[in-house]
């Protein structure tokens, strides 16, 4: 169980809905930088989103789940 006030590291999924791609960054404890980049890209008309993966999943599990659930293709490219 996490301690109060402590943020456990998490993986962040970045989705590029225009291109049908996603990538994963992290683990991290602060996604402010990535949220700002996503908002900037959205301001330019791009269909990009981000969300935190479930904390109990490995990178490989997240990749598999996103591919199956969202039908997106994994890439190592950082696109935002």
PDB file of N, CA and C in Angstrom:
ATOM      1  N   UNK A   1       0.848  -1.187   0.000  1.00  0.00           N
ATOM      2  CA  UNK A   1       0.000   0.000   0.000  1.00  0.00           C
ATOM      3  C   UNK A   1       0.886   1.241   0.000  1.00  0.00           C
ATOM      4  N   UNK A   2       0.586   2.215  -0.889  1.00  0.00           N
ATOM      5  CA  UNK A   2       1.406   3.428  -0.955  1.00  0.00           C
ATOM      6  C   UNK A   2       1.291   4.270   0.313  1.00  0.00           C
ATOM      7  N   UNK A   3       2.383   4.932   0.629  1.00  0.00           N
ATOM      8  CA  UNK A   3       2.355   5.853   1.767  1.00  0.00           C
ATOM      9  C   UNK A   3       1.610   7.115   1.364  1.00  0.00           C
ATOM     10  N   UNK A   4       0.903   7.737   2.324  1.00  0.00           N
ATOM     11  CA  UNK A   4       0.216   8.998   2.002  1.00  0.00           C
ATOM     12  C   UNK A   4       1.212  10.037   1.482  1.00  0.00           C
ATOM     13  N   UNK A   5       0.858  10.706   0.396  1.00  0.00           N
ATOM     14  CA  UNK A   5       1.696  11.740  -0.181  1.00  0.00           C
ATOM     15  C   UNK A   5       2.782  11.225  -1.103  1.00  0.00           C
ATOM     16  N   UNK A   6       2.991   9.933  -1.136  1.00  0.00           N
ATOM     17  CA  UNK A   6       4.022   9.349  -2.007  1.00  0.00           C
ATOM     18  C   UNK A   6       3.363   8.918  -3.311  1.00  0.00           C
ATOM     19  N   UNK A   7       3.973   9.292  -4.410  1.00  0.00           N
ATOM     20  CA  UNK A   7       3.464   8.895  -5.721  1.00  0.00           C
ATOM     21  C   UNK A   7       4.337   7.770  -6.237  1.00  0.00           C
ATOM     22  N   UNK A   8       3.714   6.644  -6.511  1.00  0.00           N
ATOM     23  CA  UNK A   8       4.450   5.522  -7.071  1.00  0.00           C
ATOM     24  C   UNK A   8       4.721   5.778  -8.550  1.00  0.00           C
ATOM     25  N   UNK A   9       5.856   5.339  -9.044  1.00  0.00           N
ATOM     26  CA  UNK A   9       6.162   5.500 -10.472  1.00  0.00           C
ATOM     27  C   UNK A   9       5.114   4.806 -11.347  1.00  0.00           C
ATOM     28  N   UNK A  10       4.841   5.411 -12.492  1.00  0.00           N
ATOM     29  CA  UNK A  10       3.855   4.862 -13.418  1.00  0.00           C
ATOM     30  C   UNK A  10       4.349   5.034 -14.842  1.00  0.00           C
ATOM     31  N   UNK A  11       3.735   4.286 -15.743  1.00  0.00           N
ATOM     32  CA  UNK A  11       4.003   4.411 -17.171  1.00  0.00           C
ATOM     33  C   UNK A  11       2.925   5.281 -17.783  1.00  0.00           C
ATOM     34  N   UNK A  12       3.305   6.121 -18.722  1.00  0.00           N
ATOM     35  CA  UNK A  12       2.359   6.995 -19.395  1.00  0.00           C
ATOM     36  C   UNK A  12       2.234   6.557 -20.848  1.00  0.00           C
ATOM     37  N   UNK A  13       0.999   6.356 -21.288  1.00  0.00           N
ATOM     38  CA  UNK A  13       0.723   5.981 -22.669  1.00  0.00           C
ATOM     39  C   UNK A  13       0.404   7.240 -23.450  1.00  0.00           C
ATOM     40  N   UNK A  14       1.117   7.455 -24.551  1.00  0.00           N
ATOM     41  CA  UNK A  14       0.848   8.566 -25.463  1.00  0.00           C
ATOM     42  C   UNK A  14       0.202   7.987 -26.715  1.00  0.00           C
ATOM     43  N   UNK A  15      -0.985   8.483 -27.075  1.00  0.00           N
ATOM     44  CA  UNK A  15      -1.711   7.985 -28.245  1.00  0.00           C
ATOM     45  C   UNK A  15      -1.730   9.035 -29.338  1.00  0.00           C
ATOM     46  N   UNK A  16      -1.424   8.630 -30.547  1.00  0.00           N
ATOM     47  CA  UNK A  16      -1.561   9.481 -31.726  1.00  0.00           C
ATOM     48  C   UNK A  16      -2.711   8.898 -32.541  1.00  0.00           C
ATOM     49  N   UNK A  17      -3.893   9.433 -32.327  1.00  0.00           N
ATOM     50  CA  UNK A  17      -5.088   8.897 -32.973  1.00  0.00           C
ATOM     51  C   UNK A  17      -5.119   9.188 -34.466  1.00  0.00           C
ATOM     52  N   UNK A  18      -4.411  10.239 -34.906  1.00  0.00           N
ATOM     53  CA  UNK A  18      -4.334  10.552 -36.337  1.00  0.00           C
ATOM     54  C   UNK A  18      -3.595   9.442 -37.094  1.00  0.00           C
ATOM     55  N   UNK A  19      -2.550   8.921 -36.484  1.00  0.00           N
ATOM     56  CA  UNK A  19      -1.694   7.932 -37.145  1.00  0.00           C
ATOM     57  C   UNK A  19      -1.950   6.502 -36.677  1.00  0.00           C
ATOM     58  N   UNK A  20      -2.804   6.333 -35.668  1.00  0.00           N
ATOM     59  CA  UNK A  20      -3.098   4.993 -35.163  1.00  0.00           C
ATOM     60  C   UNK A  20      -1.942   4.378 -34.398  1.00  0.00           C
ATOM     61  N   UNK A  21      -1.145   5.229 -33.717  1.00  0.00           N
ATOM     62  CA  UNK A  21       0.041   4.772 -33.011  1.00  0.00           C
ATOM     63  C   UNK A  21      -0.029   5.106 -31.527  1.00  0.00           C
ATOM     64  N   UNK A  22       0.785   4.397 -30.750  1.00  0.00           N
ATOM     65  CA  UNK A  22       0.976   4.767 -29.346  1.00  0.00           C
ATOM     66  C   UNK A  22       2.398   4.432 -28.955  1.00  0.00           C
ATOM     67  N   UNK A  23       2.855   5.106 -27.902  1.00  0.00           N
ATOM     68  CA  UNK A  23       4.148   4.802 -27.308  1.00  0.00           C
ATOM     69  C   UNK A  23       4.004   4.901 -25.799  1.00  0.00           C
ATOM     70  N   UNK A  24       5.016   4.472 -25.103  1.00  0.00           N
ATOM     71  CA  UNK A  24       4.995   4.485 -23.637  1.00  0.00           C
ATOM     72  C   UNK A  24       6.240   5.201 -23.158  1.00  0.00           C
ATOM     73  N   UNK A  25       6.064   6.094 -22.194  1.00  0.00           N
ATOM     74  CA  UNK A  25       7.186   6.780 -21.563  1.00  0.00           C
ATOM     75  C   UNK A  25       7.135   6.507 -20.067  1.00  0.00           C
ATOM     76  N   UNK A  26       8.308   6.543 -19.452  1.00  0.00           N
ATOM     77  CA  UNK A  26       8.368   6.282 -18.020  1.00  0.00           C
ATOM     78  C   UNK A  26       9.130   5.010 -17.726  1.00  0.00           C
ATOM     79  N   UNK A  27       9.141   4.616 -16.490  1.00  0.00           N
ATOM     80  CA  UNK A  27       8.279   5.084 -15.409  1.00  0.00           C
ATOM     81  C   UNK A  27       8.646   6.494 -14.935  1.00  0.00           C
ATOM     82  N   UNK A  28       7.644   7.145 -14.368  1.00  0.00           N
ATOM     83  CA  UNK A  28       7.785   8.520 -13.885  1.00  0.00           C
ATOM     84  C   UNK A  28       6.852   8.741 -12.701  1.00  0.00           C
ATOM     85  N   UNK A  29       7.048   9.831 -12.012  1.00  0.00           N
ATOM     86  CA  UNK A  29       6.149  10.211 -10.921  1.00  0.00           C
ATOM     87  C   UNK A  29       5.483  11.555 -11.182  1.00  0.00           C
ATOM     88  N   UNK A  30       5.865  12.213 -12.278  1.00  0.00           N
ATOM     89  CA  UNK A  30       5.285  13.508 -12.631  1.00  0.00           C
ATOM     90  C   UNK A  30       5.141  13.580 -14.152  1.00  0.00           C
ATOM     91  N   UNK A  31       3.902  13.681 -14.625  1.00  0.00           N
ATOM     92  CA  UNK A  31       3.662  13.714 -16.067  1.00  0.00           C
ATOM     93  C   UNK A  31       3.347  15.111 -16.597  1.00  0.00           C
ATOM     94  N   UNK A  32       3.647  16.129 -15.804  1.00  0.00           N
ATOM     95  CA  UNK A  32       3.338  17.509 -16.195  1.00  0.00           C
ATOM     96  C   UNK A  32       3.941  17.861 -17.551  1.00  0.00           C
ATOM     97  N   UNK A  33       5.204  17.536 -17.741  1.00  0.00           N
ATOM     98  CA  UNK A  33       5.903  17.842 -18.992  1.00  0.00           C
ATOM     99  C   UNK A  33       5.170  17.217 -20.180  1.00  0.00           C
ATOM    100  N   UNK A  34       4.781  15.962 -20.054  1.00  0.00           N
ATOM    101  CA  UNK A  34       4.112  15.258 -21.156  1.00  0.00           C
ATOM    102  C   UNK A  34       2.721  15.801 -21.405  1.00  0.00           C
ATOM    103  N   UNK A  35       2.001  16.139 -20.336  1.00  0.00           N
ATOM    104  CA  UNK A  35       0.667  16.730 -20.503  1.00  0.00           C
ATOM    105  C   UNK A  35       0.756  18.063 -21.236  1.00  0.00           C
ATOM    106  N   UNK A  36       1.777  18.850 -20.932  1.00  0.00           N
ATOM    107  CA  UNK A  36       1.960  20.124 -21.628  1.00  0.00           C
ATOM    108  C   UNK A  36       2.236  19.904 -23.112  1.00  0.00           C
ATOM    109  N   UNK A  37       3.074  18.933 -23.423  1.00  0.00           N
ATOM    110  CA  UNK A  37       3.387  18.637 -24.830  1.00  0.00           C
ATOM    111  C   UNK A  37       2.150  18.140 -25.577  1.00  0.00           C
ATOM    112  N   UNK A  38       1.341  17.307 -24.923  1.00  0.00           N
ATOM    113  CA  UNK A  38       0.103  16.823 -25.544  1.00  0.00           C
ATOM    114  C   UNK A  38      -0.842  18.002 -25.798  1.00  0.00           C
ATOM    115  N   UNK A  39      -0.979  18.887 -24.836  1.00  0.00           N
ATOM    116  CA  UNK A  39      -1.860  20.056 -25.005  1.00  0.00           C
ATOM    117  C   UNK A  39      -1.370  20.959 -26.138  1.00  0.00           C
ATOM    118  N   UNK A  40      -0.067  21.144 -26.250  1.00  0.00           N
ATOM    119  CA  UNK A  40       0.482  21.947 -27.346  1.00  0.00           C
ATOM    120  C   UNK A  40       0.163  21.306 -28.695  1.00  0.00           C
ATOM    121  N   UNK A  41       0.320  19.998 -28.789  1.00  0.00           N
ATOM    122  CA  UNK A  41       0.017  19.296 -30.041  1.00  0.00           C
ATOM    123  C   UNK A  41      -1.481  19.380 -30.359  1.00  0.00           C
ATOM    124  N   UNK A  42      -2.319  19.261 -29.347  1.00  0.00           N
ATOM    125  CA  UNK A  42      -3.763  19.390 -29.557  1.00  0.00           C
ATOM    126  C   UNK A  42      -4.111  20.793 -30.043  1.00  0.00           C
ATOM    127  N   UNK A  43      -3.403  21.791 -29.517  1.00  0.00           N
ATOM    128  CA  UNK A  43      -3.619  23.172 -29.946  1.00  0.00           C
ATOM    129  C   UNK A  43      -3.283  23.395 -31.406  1.00  0.00           C
ATOM    130  N   UNK A  44      -2.453  22.523 -31.954  1.00  0.00           N
ATOM    131  CA  UNK A  44      -2.099  22.587 -33.377  1.00  0.00           C
ATOM    132  C   UNK A  44      -3.000  21.693 -34.222  1.00  0.00           C
ATOM    133  N   UNK A  45      -4.043  21.143 -33.591  1.00  0.00           N
ATOM    134  CA  UNK A  45      -5.017  20.340 -34.328  1.00  0.00           C
ATOM    135  C   UNK A  45      -4.755  18.846 -34.350  1.00  0.00           C
ATOM    136  N   UNK A  46      -3.737  18.390 -33.660  1.00  0.00           N
ATOM    137  CA  UNK A  46      -3.433  16.954 -33.652  1.00  0.00           C
ATOM    138  C   UNK A  46      -4.345  16.222 -32.675  1.00  0.00           C
ATOM    139  N   UNK A  47      -4.672  15.006 -33.012  1.00  0.00           N
ATOM    140  CA  UNK A  47      -5.509  14.158 -32.163  1.00  0.00           C
ATOM    141  C   UNK A  47      -4.599  13.240 -31.337  1.00  0.00           C
ATOM    142  N   UNK A  48      -4.007  13.809 -30.297  1.00  0.00           N
ATOM    143  CA  UNK A  48      -3.137  13.049 -29.408  1.00  0.00           C
ATOM    144  C   UNK A  48      -3.701  13.114 -27.995  1.00  0.00           C
ATOM    145  N   UNK A  49      -3.490  12.065 -27.256  1.00  0.00           N
ATOM    146  CA  UNK A  49      -3.987  11.953 -25.887  1.00  0.00           C
ATOM    147  C   UNK A  49      -2.935  11.222 -25.064  1.00  0.00           C
ATOM    148  N   UNK A  50      -3.068  11.301 -23.745  1.00  0.00           N
ATOM    149  CA  UNK A  50      -2.208  10.498 -22.877  1.00  0.00           C
ATOM    150  C   UNK A  50      -3.007  10.026 -21.673  1.00  0.00           C
ATOM    151  N   UNK A  51      -2.548   8.909 -21.108  1.00  0.00           N
ATOM    152  CA  UNK A  51      -3.165   8.395 -19.894  1.00  0.00           C
ATOM    153  C   UNK A  51      -2.164   7.512 -19.164  1.00  0.00           C
ATOM    154  N   UNK A  52      -2.330   7.426 -17.849  1.00  0.00           N
ATOM    155  CA  UNK A  52      -1.458   6.577 -17.032  1.00  0.00           C
ATOM    156  C   UNK A  52      -1.927   5.133 -17.142  1.00  0.00           C
ATOM    157  N   UNK A  53      -0.969   4.245 -17.320  1.00  0.00           N
ATOM    158  CA  UNK A  53      -1.275   2.817 -17.348  1.00  0.00           C
ATOM    159  C   UNK A  53      -1.549   2.338 -15.920  1.00  0.00           C
ATOM    160  N   UNK A  54      -2.239   1.231 -15.815  1.00  0.00           N
ATOM    161  CA  UNK A  54      -2.476   0.646 -14.496  1.00  0.00           C
ATOM    162  C   UNK A  54      -1.131   0.327 -13.857  1.00  0.00           C
ATOM    163  N   UNK A  55      -0.995   0.657 -12.588  1.00  0.00           N
ATOM    164  CA  UNK A  55       0.308   0.595 -11.928  1.00  0.00           C
ATOM    165  C   UNK A  55       0.858  -0.813 -11.750  1.00  0.00           C
ATOM    166  N   UNK A  56       0.026  -1.819 -11.844  1.00  0.00           N
ATOM    167  CA  UNK A  56       0.499  -3.183 -11.629  1.00  0.00           C
ATOM    168  C   UNK A  56       0.917  -3.880 -12.925  1.00  0.00           C
ATOM    169  N   UNK A  57       0.942  -3.148 -14.031  1.00  0.00           N
ATOM    170  CA  UNK A  57       1.274  -3.742 -15.323  1.00  0.00           C
ATOM    171  C   UNK A  57       2.713  -3.432 -15.726  1.00  0.00           C
ATOM    172  N   UNK A  58       3.346  -4.412 -16.364  1.00  0.00           N
ATOM    173  CA  UNK A  58       4.666  -4.189 -16.938  1.00  0.00           C
ATOM    174  C   UNK A  58       4.496  -3.434 -18.262  1.00  0.00           C
ATOM    175  N   UNK A  59       5.587  -2.918 -18.783  1.00  0.00           N
ATOM    176  CA  UNK A  59       5.569  -2.242 -20.086  1.00  0.00           C
ATOM    177  C   UNK A  59       5.002  -3.176 -21.161  1.00  0.00           C
ATOM    178  N   UNK A  60       5.437  -4.441 -21.154  1.00  0.00           N
ATOM    179  CA  UNK A  60       4.967  -5.404 -22.155  1.00  0.00           C
ATOM    180  C   UNK A  60       3.466  -5.657 -22.025  1.00  0.00           C
ATOM    181  N   UNK A  61       2.969  -5.732 -20.793  1.00  0.00           N
ATOM    182  CA  UNK A  61       1.527  -5.927 -20.583  1.00  0.00           C
ATOM    183  C   UNK A  61       0.739  -4.718 -21.081  1.00  0.00           C
ATOM    184  N   UNK A  62       1.261  -3.529 -20.836  1.00  0.00           N
ATOM    185  CA  UNK A  62       0.584  -2.315 -21.302  1.00  0.00           C
ATOM    186  C   UNK A  62       0.536  -2.304 -22.828  1.00  0.00           C
ATOM    187  N   UNK A  63       1.646  -2.631 -23.473  1.00  0.00           N
ATOM    188  CA  UNK A  63       1.681  -2.665 -24.936  1.00  0.00           C
ATOM    189  C   UNK A  63       0.623  -3.630 -25.464  1.00  0.00           C
ATOM    190  N   UNK A  64       0.594  -4.835 -24.921  1.00  0.00           N
ATOM    191  CA  UNK A  64      -0.379  -5.844 -25.361  1.00  0.00           C
ATOM    192  C   UNK A  64      -1.805  -5.366 -25.142  1.00  0.00           C
ATOM    193  N   UNK A  65      -2.089  -4.813 -23.966  1.00  0.00           N
ATOM    194  CA  UNK A  65      -3.446  -4.371 -23.659  1.00  0.00           C
ATOM    195  C   UNK A  65      -3.908  -3.228 -24.557  1.00  0.00           C
ATOM    196  N   UNK A  66      -3.041  -2.248 -24.787  1.00  0.00           N
ATOM    197  CA  UNK A  66      -3.419  -1.115 -25.641  1.00  0.00           C
ATOM    198  C   UNK A  66      -3.646  -1.593 -27.077  1.00  0.00           C
ATOM    199  N   UNK A  67      -2.776  -2.467 -27.563  1.00  0.00           N
ATOM    200  CA  UNK A  67      -2.958  -2.988 -28.922  1.00  0.00           C
ATOM    201  C   UNK A  67      -4.300  -3.696 -29.057  1.00  0.00           C
ATOM    202  N   UNK A  68      -4.646  -4.518 -28.092  1.00  0.00           N
ATOM    203  CA  UNK A  68      -5.898  -5.275 -28.172  1.00  0.00           C
ATOM    204  C   UNK A  68      -7.130  -4.407 -27.905  1.00  0.00           C
ATOM    205  N   UNK A  69      -7.063  -3.545 -26.911  1.00  0.00           N
ATOM    206  CA  UNK A  69      -8.239  -2.769 -26.517  1.00  0.00           C
ATOM    207  C   UNK A  69      -8.501  -1.570 -27.419  1.00  0.00           C
ATOM    208  N   UNK A  70      -7.443  -0.933 -27.906  1.00  0.00           N
ATOM    209  CA  UNK A  70      -7.622   0.295 -28.691  1.00  0.00           C
ATOM    210  C   UNK A  70      -7.291   0.115 -30.165  1.00  0.00           C
ATOM    211  N   UNK A  71      -6.697  -1.011 -30.519  1.00  0.00           N
ATOM    212  CA  UNK A  71      -6.377  -1.273 -31.919  1.00  0.00           C
ATOM    213  C   UNK A  71      -5.300  -0.367 -32.483  1.00  0.00           C
ATOM    214  N   UNK A  72      -4.416   0.130 -31.621  1.00  0.00           N
ATOM    215  CA  UNK A  72      -3.327   0.994 -32.056  1.00  0.00           C
ATOM    216  C   UNK A  72      -2.050   0.186 -32.196  1.00  0.00           C
ATOM    217  N   UNK A  73      -1.113   0.690 -32.983  1.00  0.00           N
ATOM    218  CA  UNK A  73       0.168   0.024 -33.209  1.00  0.00           C
ATOM    219  C   UNK A  73       1.235   0.684 -32.349  1.00  0.00           C
ATOM    220  N   UNK A  74       2.058  -0.141 -31.680  1.00  0.00           N
ATOM    221  CA  UNK A  74       3.125   0.380 -30.825  1.00  0.00           C
ATOM    222  C   UNK A  74       4.292   0.898 -31.667  1.00  0.00           C
ATOM    223  N   UNK A  75       4.896   2.007 -31.199  1.00  0.00           N
ATOM    224  CA  UNK A  75       6.110   2.555 -31.809  1.00  0.00           C
ATOM    225  C   UNK A  75       7.024   3.060 -30.696  1.00  0.00           C
ATOM    226  N   UNK A  76       8.326   3.029 -30.938  1.00  0.00           N
ATOM    227  CA  UNK A  76       9.291   3.623 -30.014  1.00  0.00           C
ATOM    228  C   UNK A  76       9.416   5.124 -30.215  1.00  0.00           C
ATOM    229  N   UNK A  77       8.846   5.610 -31.315  1.00  0.00           N
ATOM    230  CA  UNK A  77       8.931   7.037 -31.661  1.00  0.00           C
ATOM    231  C   UNK A  77       8.201   7.900 -30.630  1.00  0.00           C
ATOM    232  N   UNK A  78       8.852   8.974 -30.200  1.00  0.00           N
ATOM    233  CA  UNK A  78       8.186   9.969 -29.344  1.00  0.00           C
ATOM    234  C   UNK A  78       7.612  11.023 -30.275  1.00  0.00           C
ATOM    235  N   UNK A  79       6.307  11.114 -30.368  1.00  0.00           N
ATOM    236  CA  UNK A  79       5.665  11.928 -31.414  1.00  0.00           C
ATOM    237  C   UNK A  79       5.022  13.202 -30.893  1.00  0.00           C
ATOM    238  N   UNK A  80       5.213  13.553 -29.643  1.00  0.00           N
ATOM    239  CA  UNK A  80       4.719  14.850 -29.135  1.00  0.00           C
ATOM    240  C   UNK A  80       5.875  15.620 -28.560  1.00  0.00           C
TER     241      UNK A  80
END
